[in-house]
Amino acid sequence: MTTSPDPIAPSPALAQLALLESALAECRTQSGPATALSDTARAQTALLAALPPRYAEVLHGLLDRLESSALFSEESCSFSQKDLLDSLQQWADKAGATLRAAG
């Protein structure tokens, strides 16, 4: 007897996207370290494997800039951490839409 997948359980990619979004929200609200968010995002291999390759390129570029911004104060950095977090949220929104459209 084979069991069918639970229709309520999210796919591994969607579960990892939720984890990334949770880390992003924590970074925003608690001013958590950018490195923790970056480490969490980079560890989501099922998520990145389920998306077109360009998503990984964009995500890694945003994370590289986020890590760099954490090394400097807001005033001395050429890009703001808030703007990078906004861009990461936009990436997550688009990734979620892509995953849901793929079914």
PDB file of N, CA and C in Angstrom:
ATOM      1  N   MET A   1       0.843  -1.169   0.000  1.00  0.00           N
ATOM      2  CA  MET A   1       0.000   0.000   0.000  1.00  0.00           C
ATOM      3  C   MET A   1       0.891   1.235   0.000  1.00  0.00           C
ATOM      4  N   THR A   2       0.727   2.066  -0.979  1.00  0.00           N
ATOM      5  CA  THR A   2       1.516   3.295  -1.037  1.00  0.00           C
ATOM      6  C   THR A   2       0.699   4.439  -0.477  1.00  0.00           C
ATOM      7  N   THR A   3       1.396   5.347   0.115  1.00  0.00           N
ATOM      8  CA  THR A   3       0.715   6.521   0.655  1.00  0.00           C
ATOM      9  C   THR A   3       0.997   7.702  -0.247  1.00  0.00           C
ATOM     10  N   SER A   4      -0.013   8.477  -0.444  1.00  0.00           N
ATOM     11  CA  SER A   4       0.179   9.678  -1.258  1.00  0.00           C
ATOM     12  C   SER A   4       0.693  10.793  -0.366  1.00  0.00           C
ATOM     13  N   PRO A   5       1.384  11.749  -0.955  1.00  0.00           N
ATOM     14  CA  PRO A   5       1.887  12.855  -0.153  1.00  0.00           C
ATOM     15  C   PRO A   5       0.741  13.623   0.486  1.00  0.00           C
ATOM     16  N   ASP A   6       0.972  14.118   1.652  1.00  0.00           N
ATOM     17  CA  ASP A   6      -0.023  14.913   2.366  1.00  0.00           C
ATOM     18  C   ASP A   6      -0.265  16.208   1.596  1.00  0.00           C
ATOM     19  N   PRO A   7      -1.494  16.447   1.113  1.00  0.00           N
ATOM     20  CA  PRO A   7      -1.737  17.652   0.316  1.00  0.00           C
ATOM     21  C   PRO A   7      -1.612  18.938   1.122  1.00  0.00           C
ATOM     22  N   ILE A   8      -1.652  18.827   2.432  1.00  0.00           N
ATOM     23  CA  ILE A   8      -1.548  20.015   3.274  1.00  0.00           C
ATOM     24  C   ILE A   8      -0.091  20.368   3.554  1.00  0.00           C
ATOM     25  N   ALA A   9       0.770  19.371   3.568  1.00  0.00           N
ATOM     26  CA  ALA A   9       2.186  19.613   3.860  1.00  0.00           C
ATOM     27  C   ALA A   9       2.827  20.387   2.709  1.00  0.00           C
ATOM     28  N   PRO A  10       3.558  21.449   3.035  1.00  0.00           N
ATOM     29  CA  PRO A  10       4.209  22.214   1.967  1.00  0.00           C
ATOM     30  C   PRO A  10       5.376  21.430   1.371  1.00  0.00           C
ATOM     31  N   SER A  11       5.707  21.762   0.148  1.00  0.00           N
ATOM     32  CA  SER A  11       6.869  21.140  -0.479  1.00  0.00           C
ATOM     33  C   SER A  11       8.115  21.564   0.294  1.00  0.00           C
ATOM     34  N   PRO A  12       9.203  20.796   0.172  1.00  0.00           N
ATOM     35  CA  PRO A  12      10.439  21.206   0.858  1.00  0.00           C
ATOM     36  C   PRO A  12      10.870  22.622   0.464  1.00  0.00           C
ATOM     37  N   ALA A  13      10.700  22.979  -0.804  1.00  0.00           N
ATOM     38  CA  ALA A  13      11.098  24.316  -1.247  1.00  0.00           C
ATOM     39  C   ALA A  13      10.246  25.391  -0.577  1.00  0.00           C
ATOM     40  N   LEU A  14       8.928  25.171  -0.497  1.00  0.00           N
ATOM     41  CA  LEU A  14       8.057  26.155   0.158  1.00  0.00           C
ATOM     42  C   LEU A  14       8.331  26.221   1.658  1.00  0.00           C
ATOM     43  N   ALA A  15       8.647  25.081   2.264  1.00  0.00           N
ATOM     44  CA  ALA A  15       8.991  25.072   3.688  1.00  0.00           C
ATOM     45  C   ALA A  15      10.274  25.871   3.926  1.00  0.00           C
ATOM     46  N   GLN A  16      11.248  25.718   3.030  1.00  0.00           N
ATOM     47  CA  GLN A  16      12.496  26.470   3.175  1.00  0.00           C
ATOM     48  C   GLN A  16      12.273  27.956   2.904  1.00  0.00           C
ATOM     49  N   LEU A  17      11.368  28.280   1.987  1.00  0.00           N
ATOM     50  CA  LEU A  17      11.040  29.684   1.741  1.00  0.00           C
ATOM     51  C   LEU A  17      10.425  30.302   2.995  1.00  0.00           C
ATOM     52  N   ALA A  18       9.552  29.569   3.665  1.00  0.00           N
ATOM     53  CA  ALA A  18       8.947  30.059   4.903  1.00  0.00           C
ATOM     54  C   ALA A  18      10.012  30.294   5.974  1.00  0.00           C
ATOM     55  N   LEU A  19      10.987  29.413   6.051  1.00  0.00           N
ATOM     56  CA  LEU A  19      12.080  29.572   7.006  1.00  0.00           C
ATOM     57  C   LEU A  19      12.897  30.826   6.693  1.00  0.00           C
ATOM     58  N   LEU A  20      13.180  31.032   5.416  1.00  0.00           N
ATOM     59  CA  LEU A  20      13.925  32.222   4.997  1.00  0.00           C
ATOM     60  C   LEU A  20      13.134  33.493   5.314  1.00  0.00           C
ATOM     61  N   GLU A  21      11.829  33.479   5.048  1.00  0.00           N
ATOM     62  CA  GLU A  21      10.994  34.650   5.335  1.00  0.00           C
ATOM     63  C   GLU A  21      10.931  34.925   6.831  1.00  0.00           C
ATOM     64  N   SER A  22      10.927  33.873   7.639  1.00  0.00           N
ATOM     65  CA  SER A  22      10.936  34.032   9.087  1.00  0.00           C
ATOM     66  C   SER A  22      12.243  34.677   9.552  1.00  0.00           C
ATOM     67  N   ALA A  23      13.362  34.230   9.002  1.00  0.00           N
ATOM     68  CA  ALA A  23      14.665  34.816   9.348  1.00  0.00           C
ATOM     69  C   ALA A  23      14.736  36.273   8.898  1.00  0.00           C
ATOM     70  N   LEU A  24      14.145  36.570   7.758  1.00  0.00           N
ATOM     71  CA  LEU A  24      14.110  37.944   7.257  1.00  0.00           C
ATOM     72  C   LEU A  24      13.289  38.831   8.189  1.00  0.00           C
ATOM     73  N   ALA A  25      12.139  38.352   8.614  1.00  0.00           N
ATOM     74  CA  ALA A  25      11.296  39.114   9.539  1.00  0.00           C
ATOM     75  C   ALA A  25      12.013  39.343  10.863  1.00  0.00           C
ATOM     76  N   GLU A  26      12.717  38.329  11.345  1.00  0.00           N
ATOM     77  CA  GLU A  26      13.460  38.462  12.600  1.00  0.00           C
ATOM     78  C   GLU A  26      14.571  39.497  12.462  1.00  0.00           C
ATOM     79  N   CYS A  27      15.246  39.491  11.342  1.00  0.00           N
ATOM     80  CA  CYS A  27      16.320  40.457  11.108  1.00  0.00           C
ATOM     81  C   CYS A  27      15.759  41.876  11.092  1.00  0.00           C
ATOM     82  N   ARG A  28      14.581  42.040  10.509  1.00  0.00           N
ATOM     83  CA  ARG A  28      13.942  43.364  10.444  1.00  0.00           C
ATOM     84  C   ARG A  28      13.491  43.854  11.816  1.00  0.00           C
ATOM     85  N   THR A  29      12.798  43.006  12.563  1.00  0.00           N
ATOM     86  CA  THR A  29      12.174  43.442  13.803  1.00  0.00           C
ATOM     87  C   THR A  29      13.130  43.495  14.981  1.00  0.00           C
ATOM     88  N   GLN A  30      14.075  42.597  15.013  1.00  0.00           N
ATOM     89  CA  GLN A  30      14.981  42.550  16.154  1.00  0.00           C
ATOM     90  C   GLN A  30      16.364  43.069  15.812  1.00  0.00           C
ATOM     91  N   SER A  31      16.497  43.613  14.629  1.00  0.00           N
ATOM     92  CA  SER A  31      17.812  44.064  14.166  1.00  0.00           C
ATOM     93  C   SER A  31      18.849  42.975  14.402  1.00  0.00           C
ATOM     94  N   GLY A  32      18.446  41.755  14.089  1.00  0.00           N
ATOM     95  CA  GLY A  32      19.348  40.618  14.242  1.00  0.00           C
ATOM     96  C   GLY A  32      20.535  40.747  13.314  1.00  0.00           C
ATOM     97  N   PRO A  33      21.560  39.978  13.562  1.00  0.00           N
ATOM     98  CA  PRO A  33      22.749  40.073  12.713  1.00  0.00           C
ATOM     99  C   PRO A  33      22.447  39.639  11.281  1.00  0.00           C
ATOM    100  N   ALA A  34      22.958  40.407  10.356  1.00  0.00           N
ATOM    101  CA  ALA A  34      22.759  40.104   8.938  1.00  0.00           C
ATOM    102  C   ALA A  34      23.394  38.767   8.581  1.00  0.00           C
ATOM    103  N   THR A  35      24.451  38.411   9.288  1.00  0.00           N
ATOM    104  CA  THR A  35      25.124  37.146   8.978  1.00  0.00           C
ATOM    105  C   THR A  35      24.222  35.950   9.282  1.00  0.00           C
ATOM    106  N   ALA A  36      23.384  36.055  10.310  1.00  0.00           N
ATOM    107  CA  ALA A  36      22.468  34.954  10.631  1.00  0.00           C
ATOM    108  C   ALA A  36      21.448  34.772   9.510  1.00  0.00           C
ATOM    109  N   LEU A  37      20.915  35.876   9.008  1.00  0.00           N
ATOM    110  CA  LEU A  37      19.982  35.806   7.885  1.00  0.00           C
ATOM    111  C   LEU A  37      20.678  35.227   6.658  1.00  0.00           C
ATOM    112  N   SER A  38      21.868  35.691   6.398  1.00  0.00           N
ATOM    113  CA  SER A  38      22.618  35.222   5.236  1.00  0.00           C
ATOM    114  C   SER A  38      22.907  33.726   5.333  1.00  0.00           C
ATOM    115  N   ASP A  39      23.339  33.277   6.501  1.00  0.00           N
ATOM    116  CA  ASP A  39      23.620  31.849   6.695  1.00  0.00           C
ATOM    117  C   ASP A  39      22.362  31.011   6.474  1.00  0.00           C
ATOM    118  N   THR A  40      21.238  31.483   7.016  1.00  0.00           N
ATOM    119  CA  THR A  40      19.971  30.770   6.846  1.00  0.00           C
ATOM    120  C   THR A  40      19.589  30.702   5.375  1.00  0.00           C
ATOM    121  N   ALA A  41      19.684  31.832   4.691  1.00  0.00           N
ATOM    122  CA  ALA A  41      19.296  31.882   3.278  1.00  0.00           C
ATOM    123  C   ALA A  41      20.172  30.970   2.425  1.00  0.00           C
ATOM    124  N   ARG A  42      21.461  30.996   2.667  1.00  0.00           N
ATOM    125  CA  ARG A  42      22.382  30.185   1.856  1.00  0.00           C
ATOM    126  C   ARG A  42      22.198  28.683   2.096  1.00  0.00           C
ATOM    127  N   ALA A  43      21.647  28.312   3.238  1.00  0.00           N
ATOM    128  CA  ALA A  43      21.468  26.896   3.571  1.00  0.00           C
ATOM    129  C   ALA A  43      20.217  26.279   2.936  1.00  0.00           C
ATOM    130  N   GLN A  44      19.400  27.080   2.296  1.00  0.00           N
ATOM    131  CA  GLN A  44      18.131  26.584   1.746  1.00  0.00           C
ATOM    132  C   GLN A  44      18.329  25.990   0.354  1.00  0.00           C
ATOM    133  N   THR A  45      18.998  24.864   0.298  1.00  0.00           N
ATOM    134  CA  THR A  45      19.381  24.260  -0.981  1.00  0.00           C
ATOM    135  C   THR A  45      18.190  23.715  -1.767  1.00  0.00           C
ATOM    136  N   ALA A  46      17.182  23.174  -1.092  1.00  0.00           N
ATOM    137  CA  ALA A  46      16.001  22.664  -1.807  1.00  0.00           C
ATOM    138  C   ALA A  46      15.249  23.812  -2.468  1.00  0.00           C
ATOM    139  N   LEU A  47      15.193  24.935  -1.788  1.00  0.00           N
ATOM    140  CA  LEU A  47      14.535  26.118  -2.349  1.00  0.00           C
ATOM    141  C   LEU A  47      15.244  26.570  -3.617  1.00  0.00           C
ATOM    142  N   LEU A  48      16.549  26.724  -3.533  1.00  0.00           N
ATOM    143  CA  LEU A  48      17.305  27.201  -4.693  1.00  0.00           C
ATOM    144  C   LEU A  48      17.283  26.194  -5.838  1.00  0.00           C
ATOM    145  N   ALA A  49      17.269  24.908  -5.518  1.00  0.00           N
ATOM    146  CA  ALA A  49      17.226  23.882  -6.562  1.00  0.00           C
ATOM    147  C   ALA A  49      15.884  23.874  -7.294  1.00  0.00           C
ATOM    148  N   ALA A  50      14.822  24.299  -6.611  1.00  0.00           N
ATOM    149  CA  ALA A  50      13.485  24.289  -7.209  1.00  0.00           C
ATOM    150  C   ALA A  50      13.215  25.519  -8.074  1.00  0.00           C
ATOM    151  N   LEU A  51      14.091  26.506  -7.992  1.00  0.00           N
ATOM    152  CA  LEU A  51      13.908  27.754  -8.738  1.00  0.00           C
ATOM    153  C   LEU A  51      14.849  27.809  -9.936  1.00  0.00           C
ATOM    154  N   PRO A  52      14.520  28.634 -10.926  1.00  0.00           N
ATOM    155  CA  PRO A  52      15.460  28.831 -12.039  1.00  0.00           C
ATOM    156  C   PRO A  52      16.809  29.340 -11.517  1.00  0.00           C
ATOM    157  N   PRO A  53      17.913  29.020 -12.194  1.00  0.00           N
ATOM    158  CA  PRO A  53      19.257  29.389 -11.719  1.00  0.00           C
ATOM    159  C   PRO A  53      19.433  30.880 -11.433  1.00  0.00           C
ATOM    160  N   ARG A  54      18.754  31.723 -12.157  1.00  0.00           N
ATOM    161  CA  ARG A  54      18.902  33.172 -11.958  1.00  0.00           C
ATOM    162  C   ARG A  54      18.522  33.587 -10.535  1.00  0.00           C
ATOM    163  N   TYR A  55      17.585  32.877  -9.916  1.00  0.00           N
ATOM    164  CA  TYR A  55      17.180  33.215  -8.552  1.00  0.00           C
ATOM    165  C   TYR A  55      18.351  33.074  -7.582  1.00  0.00           C
ATOM    166  N   ALA A  56      19.150  32.025  -7.739  1.00  0.00           N
ATOM    167  CA  ALA A  56      20.308  31.828  -6.861  1.00  0.00           C
ATOM    168  C   ALA A  56      21.322  32.942  -7.067  1.00  0.00           C
ATOM    169  N   GLU A  57      21.547  33.324  -8.319  1.00  0.00           N
ATOM    170  CA  GLU A  57      22.496  34.407  -8.609  1.00  0.00           C
ATOM    171  C   GLU A  57      22.064  35.707  -7.936  1.00  0.00           C
ATOM    172  N   VAL A  58      20.793  36.039  -8.076  1.00  0.00           N
ATOM    173  CA  VAL A  58      20.283  37.286  -7.492  1.00  0.00           C
ATOM    174  C   VAL A  58      20.344  37.219  -5.968  1.00  0.00           C
ATOM    175  N   LEU A  59      19.901  36.096  -5.397  1.00  0.00           N
ATOM    176  CA  LEU A  59      19.917  35.955  -3.938  1.00  0.00           C
ATOM    177  C   LEU A  59      21.330  36.089  -3.397  1.00  0.00           C
ATOM    178  N   HIS A  60      22.286  35.399  -4.000  1.00  0.00           N
ATOM    179  CA  HIS A  60      23.663  35.463  -3.504  1.00  0.00           C
ATOM    180  C   HIS A  60      24.238  36.874  -3.635  1.00  0.00           C
ATOM    181  N   GLY A  61      23.894  37.588  -4.688  1.00  0.00           N
ATOM    182  CA  GLY A  61      24.343  38.973  -4.826  1.00  0.00           C
ATOM    183  C   GLY A  61      23.784  39.858  -3.722  1.00  0.00           C
ATOM    184  N   LEU A  62      22.498  39.696  -3.425  1.00  0.00           N
ATOM    185  CA  LEU A  62      21.884  40.473  -2.344  1.00  0.00           C
ATOM    186  C   LEU A  62      22.511  40.126  -0.999  1.00  0.00           C
ATOM    187  N   LEU A  63      22.753  38.844  -0.768  1.00  0.00           N
ATOM    188  CA  LEU A  63      23.347  38.426   0.507  1.00  0.00           C
ATOM    189  C   LEU A  63      24.777  38.934   0.649  1.00  0.00           C
ATOM    190  N   ASP A  64      25.533  38.931  -0.440  1.00  0.00           N
ATOM    191  CA  ASP A  64      26.900  39.468  -0.394  1.00  0.00           C
ATOM    192  C   ASP A  64      26.878  40.942   0.010  1.00  0.00           C
ATOM    193  N   ARG A  65      25.962  41.707  -0.578  1.00  0.00           N
ATOM    194  CA  ARG A  65      25.865  43.133  -0.231  1.00  0.00           C
ATOM    195  C   ARG A  65      25.380  43.325   1.194  1.00  0.00           C
ATOM    196  N   LEU A  66      24.457  42.472   1.643  1.00  0.00           N
ATOM    197  CA  LEU A  66      23.965  42.559   3.015  1.00  0.00           C
ATOM    198  C   LEU A  66      25.096  42.299   4.005  1.00  0.00           C
ATOM    199  N   GLU A  67      25.901  41.290   3.730  1.00  0.00           N
ATOM    200  CA  GLU A  67      27.038  40.991   4.608  1.00  0.00           C
ATOM    201  C   GLU A  67      28.031  42.146   4.620  1.00  0.00           C
ATOM    202  N   SER A  68      28.268  42.750   3.468  1.00  0.00           N
ATOM    203  CA  SER A  68      29.180  43.898   3.399  1.00  0.00           C
ATOM    204  C   SER A  68      28.624  45.080   4.172  1.00  0.00           C
ATOM    205  N   SER A  69      27.324  45.306   4.061  1.00  0.00           N
ATOM    206  CA  SER A  69      26.720  46.448   4.754  1.00  0.00           C
ATOM    207  C   SER A  69      26.811  46.288   6.264  1.00  0.00           C
ATOM    208  N   ALA A  70      26.838  45.045   6.734  1.00  0.00           N
ATOM    209  CA  ALA A  70      26.924  44.797   8.172  1.00  0.00           C
ATOM    210  C   ALA A  70      28.290  45.179   8.732  1.00  0.00           C
ATOM    211  N   LEU A  71      29.285  45.299   7.862  1.00  0.00           N
ATOM    212  CA  LEU A  71      30.634  45.642   8.316  1.00  0.00           C
ATOM    213  C   LEU A  71      30.814  47.136   8.556  1.00  0.00           C
ATOM    214  N   PHE A  72      29.888  47.935   8.035  1.00  0.00           N
ATOM    215  CA  PHE A  72      30.014  49.386   8.120  1.00  0.00           C
ATOM    216  C   PHE A  72      28.780  49.980   8.762  1.00  0.00           C
ATOM    217  N   SER A  73      28.931  51.190   9.266  1.00  0.00           N
ATOM    218  CA  SER A  73      27.765  51.884   9.796  1.00  0.00           C
ATOM    219  C   SER A  73      26.884  52.308   8.633  1.00  0.00           C
ATOM    220  N   GLU A  74      25.631  52.577   8.920  1.00  0.00           N
ATOM    221  CA  GLU A  74      24.664  52.969   7.886  1.00  0.00           C
ATOM    222  C   GLU A  74      25.163  54.156   7.076  1.00  0.00           C
ATOM    223  N   GLU A  75      25.809  55.121   7.734  1.00  0.00           N
ATOM    224  CA  GLU A  75      26.236  56.341   7.052  1.00  0.00           C
ATOM    225  C   GLU A  75      27.405  56.109   6.100  1.00  0.00           C
ATOM    226  N   SER A  76      28.263  55.168   6.409  1.00  0.00           N
ATOM    227  CA  SER A  76      29.459  54.996   5.589  1.00  0.00           C
ATOM    228  C   SER A  76      29.278  53.962   4.480  1.00  0.00           C
ATOM    229  N   CYS A  77      28.140  53.322   4.450  1.00  0.00           N
ATOM    230  CA  CYS A  77      27.911  52.276   3.453  1.00  0.00           C
ATOM    231  C   CYS A  77      27.190  52.854   2.245  1.00  0.00           C
ATOM    232  N   SER A  78      27.542  52.366   1.067  1.00  0.00           N
ATOM    233  CA  SER A  78      26.950  52.915  -0.153  1.00  0.00           C
ATOM    234  C   SER A  78      25.533  52.394  -0.402  1.00  0.00           C
ATOM    235  N   PHE A  79      25.077  51.408   0.360  1.00  0.00           N
ATOM    236  CA  PHE A  79      23.701  50.927   0.231  1.00  0.00           C
ATOM    237  C   PHE A  79      23.161  50.636   1.624  1.00  0.00           C
ATOM    238  N   SER A  80      21.879  50.894   1.819  1.00  0.00           N
ATOM    239  CA  SER A  80      21.320  50.747   3.159  1.00  0.00           C
ATOM    240  C   SER A  80      20.855  49.315   3.410  1.00  0.00           C
ATOM    241  N   GLN A  81      20.983  48.908   4.651  1.00  0.00           N
ATOM    242  CA  GLN A  81      20.555  47.570   5.033  1.00  0.00           C
ATOM    243  C   GLN A  81      19.045  47.441   4.865  1.00  0.00           C
ATOM    244  N   LYS A  82      18.303  48.506   5.161  1.00  0.00           N
ATOM    245  CA  LYS A  82      16.851  48.465   4.994  1.00  0.00           C
ATOM    246  C   LYS A  82      16.484  48.205   3.539  1.00  0.00           C
ATOM    247  N   ASP A  83      17.152  48.886   2.619  1.00  0.00           N
ATOM    248  CA  ASP A  83      16.872  48.672   1.193  1.00  0.00           C
ATOM    249  C   ASP A  83      17.200  47.238   0.775  1.00  0.00           C
ATOM    250  N   LEU A  84      18.273  46.697   1.308  1.00  0.00           N
ATOM    251  CA  LEU A  84      18.636  45.315   0.986  1.00  0.00           C
ATOM    252  C   LEU A  84      17.609  44.331   1.547  1.00  0.00           C
ATOM    253  N   LEU A  85      17.129  44.592   2.753  1.00  0.00           N
ATOM    254  CA  LEU A  85      16.095  43.730   3.327  1.00  0.00           C
ATOM    255  C   LEU A  85      14.810  43.823   2.514  1.00  0.00           C
ATOM    256  N   ASP A  86      14.488  45.025   2.031  1.00  0.00           N
ATOM    257  CA  ASP A  86      13.322  45.187   1.152  1.00  0.00           C
ATOM    258  C   ASP A  86      13.506  44.381  -0.131  1.00  0.00           C
ATOM    259  N   SER A  87      14.701  44.418  -0.687  1.00  0.00           N
ATOM    260  CA  SER A  87      14.986  43.659  -1.913  1.00  0.00           C
ATOM    261  C   SER A  87      14.910  42.153  -1.659  1.00  0.00           C
ATOM    262  N   LEU A  88      15.375  41.720  -0.505  1.00  0.00           N
ATOM    263  CA  LEU A  88      15.277  40.299  -0.163  1.00  0.00           C
ATOM    264  C   LEU A  88      13.817  39.874  -0.008  1.00  0.00           C
ATOM    265  N   GLN A  89      12.986  40.754   0.554  1.00  0.00           N
ATOM    266  CA  GLN A  89      11.561  40.434   0.670  1.00  0.00           C
ATOM    267  C   GLN A  89      10.924  40.329  -0.708  1.00  0.00           C
ATOM    268  N   GLN A  90      11.309  41.230  -1.591  1.00  0.00           N
ATOM    269  CA  GLN A  90      10.795  41.175  -2.963  1.00  0.00           C
ATOM    270  C   GLN A  90      11.240  39.874  -3.642  1.00  0.00           C
ATOM    271  N   TRP A  91      12.486  39.481  -3.425  1.00  0.00           N
ATOM    272  CA  TRP A  91      12.986  38.218  -3.975  1.00  0.00           C
ATOM    273  C   TRP A  91      12.138  37.057  -3.447  1.00  0.00           C
ATOM    274  N   ALA A  92      11.885  37.046  -2.136  1.00  0.00           N
ATOM    275  CA  ALA A  92      11.106  35.965  -1.525  1.00  0.00           C
ATOM    276  C   ALA A  92       9.684  35.930  -2.085  1.00  0.00           C
ATOM    277  N   ASP A  93       9.088  37.098  -2.278  1.00  0.00           N
ATOM    278  CA  ASP A  93       7.736  37.153  -2.840  1.00  0.00           C
ATOM    279  C   ASP A  93       7.707  36.561  -4.249  1.00  0.00           C
ATOM    280  N   LYS A  94       8.682  36.939  -5.060  1.00  0.00           N
ATOM    281  CA  LYS A  94       8.743  36.422  -6.437  1.00  0.00           C
ATOM    282  C   LYS A  94       9.058  34.925  -6.451  1.00  0.00           C
ATOM    283  N   ALA A  95       9.937  34.491  -5.561  1.00  0.00           N
ATOM    284  CA  ALA A  95      10.264  33.064  -5.482  1.00  0.00           C
ATOM    285  C   ALA A  95       9.023  32.262  -5.103  1.00  0.00           C
ATOM    286  N   GLY A  96       8.265  32.762  -4.137  1.00  0.00           N
ATOM    287  CA  GLY A  96       7.034  32.079  -3.736  1.00  0.00           C
ATOM    288  C   GLY A  96       6.035  31.989  -4.876  1.00  0.00           C
ATOM    289  N   ALA A  97       5.881  33.077  -5.617  1.00  0.00           N
ATOM    290  CA  ALA A  97       4.959  33.075  -6.758  1.00  0.00           C
ATOM    291  C   ALA A  97       5.416  32.077  -7.820  1.00  0.00           C
ATOM    292  N   THR A  98       6.712  32.015  -8.058  1.00  0.00           N
ATOM    293  CA  THR A  98       7.254  31.078  -9.048  1.00  0.00           C
ATOM    294  C   THR A  98       7.022  29.634  -8.615  1.00  0.00           C
ATOM    295  N   LEU A  99       7.254  29.349  -7.340  1.00  0.00           N
ATOM    296  CA  LEU A  99       7.055  27.984  -6.835  1.00  0.00           C
ATOM    297  C   LEU A  99       5.584  27.582  -6.892  1.00  0.00           C
ATOM    298  N   ARG A 100       4.711  28.487  -6.520  1.00  0.00           N
ATOM    299  CA  ARG A 100       3.278  28.169  -6.526  1.00  0.00           C
ATOM    300  C   ARG A 100       2.754  27.995  -7.950  1.00  0.00           C
ATOM    301  N   ALA A 101       3.277  28.780  -8.878  1.00  0.00           N
ATOM    302  CA  ALA A 101       2.860  28.660 -10.281  1.00  0.00           C
ATOM    303  C   ALA A 101       3.323  27.328 -10.876  1.00  0.00           C
ATOM    304  N   ALA A 102       4.466  26.843 -10.399  1.00  0.00           N
ATOM    305  CA  ALA A 102       4.997  25.572 -10.901  1.00  0.00           C
ATOM    306  C   ALA A 102       4.211  24.383 -10.345  1.00  0.00           C
ATOM    307  N   GLY A 103       3.459  24.658  -9.273  1.00  0.00           N
ATOM    308  CA  GLY A 103       2.575  23.636  -8.733  1.00  0.00           C
ATOM    309  C   GLY A 103       3.204  22.766  -7.747  1.00  0.00           C
TER     310      GLY A 103
END
